[in-house]
Amino acid sequence: MPDFDDDYGFETLAIRAGQVRTNEGEQSEPIFPTSSYIFSSAAEAAAVFAGEQEGNIYSRFTNPTVRTFEQRLARLEGAESCVATASGMSAILATCMGILKSGDHIVSSRSIFGSTTGLFNNYLAKFGIATSFVDLVDMNSWKEAIRPQTRLLFMETPSNPLTEIADIALLADLAHQNGCLLAVDNCFCTPALQQPVLLGADIVIHSATKYLDGQGRCVGGAVVGSNEIVGKQVFDVLRTAGPSMSPFNAWVFLKGLETLSLRMRAHSDNALALARWLEQQSAVKRVYYPGLESHAQHSLAKSQQSGFGGLLSFELDGGQDAGWKLIDATRMISITANLGDTKSTITHPATTTHGRLSEDQRAQANITDDLVRVAVGLEDIEDLKADLARGMS
């Protein structure tokens, strides 16, 4: 195979990086559905277990198919190392377990996935790890929340569902000035549109379930970063605790990566066209999409992203009733809280993705009852407009 440390383009790396062909000479990457591996001798087994020699031990933490996915995603993010996990949430948990201890402190954006908020508040707190939540785009709130015990700054950008954009480079500088690490959930842009490591972030989190797969087939996650932080500290959690990605899922995600750049450009084009159409509808009060000139961080999004992604949301006149009416009137768009598929999806965040947050927490995150989120897929744009128009009369 070619040396993919050379200067290959993104699309080439997405198709070729990490593959090691077997003696069978296969064109497509194989799946290794095995739990364990055979050693040629007791001495070899001892050397591999001791880390003195590279080799597979047990598929909980060493599997050739999973390793190919990890190496390919790391190259796409411009990072040294990647650890694949069973889900996006297990990627966040493994990261926190690997780099934090009791008494440490997290500063997190308030505009994150509801389950991530629950993980920080309900579970990490049990083990003495405190979290302060701040406004994603307010740099002063980040600065004021940092304590001597702070070890991690955590955020999603763009955020879900309001698509707010944080300045990754500025937050990376702030983190490093205070001896902290910056973790960025890059689920909604993927490395095809944004590479946080190249902007200074230490850790990149993925729910591979979303756009990395692209067709809603499997659940998985990934942590990307340096050899020391991800390749050692996070990997040691995976090796011991075992939130592992299955070989079959890794193979599916590999196939997704091959078309990632094409799909993300198409998602972005469709979403921008739909956002502009929504701005013209009398029933719509406000549209949240970073590709719109009306978006508060439009210029920042243009500077740190190569595209604006497939996620948008909008507010309707009429509160929850209007939102539910619009959702129920659709005939084609899928009513589901998942996203990242070729199929467009629609949901009401206040009662689904953020439904487990308190009313006060939703208010602080600006998740209103009249907000509807659409993850724009790859269908014909005129069909998407027509489907949404049914519920706007």
Foldseek 3Di string as FASTA:
>chain_A
DDDVVDDDDLLCLLQDFLDDDDPVPDPAHDFDQDFADDDPDPVRVVCCVVVVDPDTGGQLQDDSLLRSLFRSQQVLLVADTKAKFQALVVQVVLLCQLFHAAQAEEEEELQAFQVVVCCQPPPVVVRRYHYDYDHQADVVRVLVPDDLRYAEYEYEALGPAQRDGHQLLVVLVVQVVSNYAYEYADAFARSLWFRSVVSRHAKYKYFLCAQLLAANDHTMIMIGHYCVSCVPRSSVCSVPVRRHHHSVVSSSSSVSSSCRNVFFVLLQVLQVVVQVVLVPAPFWDDKRWLCDPPHPCVVVSVVRTVGGGNKMKTFGPPFLVLLVLLQVQFDQQDDDPGHRYLGKYKYQCCCPRNVPPDPVSCVVNVRTRRMMMMRGHNDDSVSVVVRSVRSRD
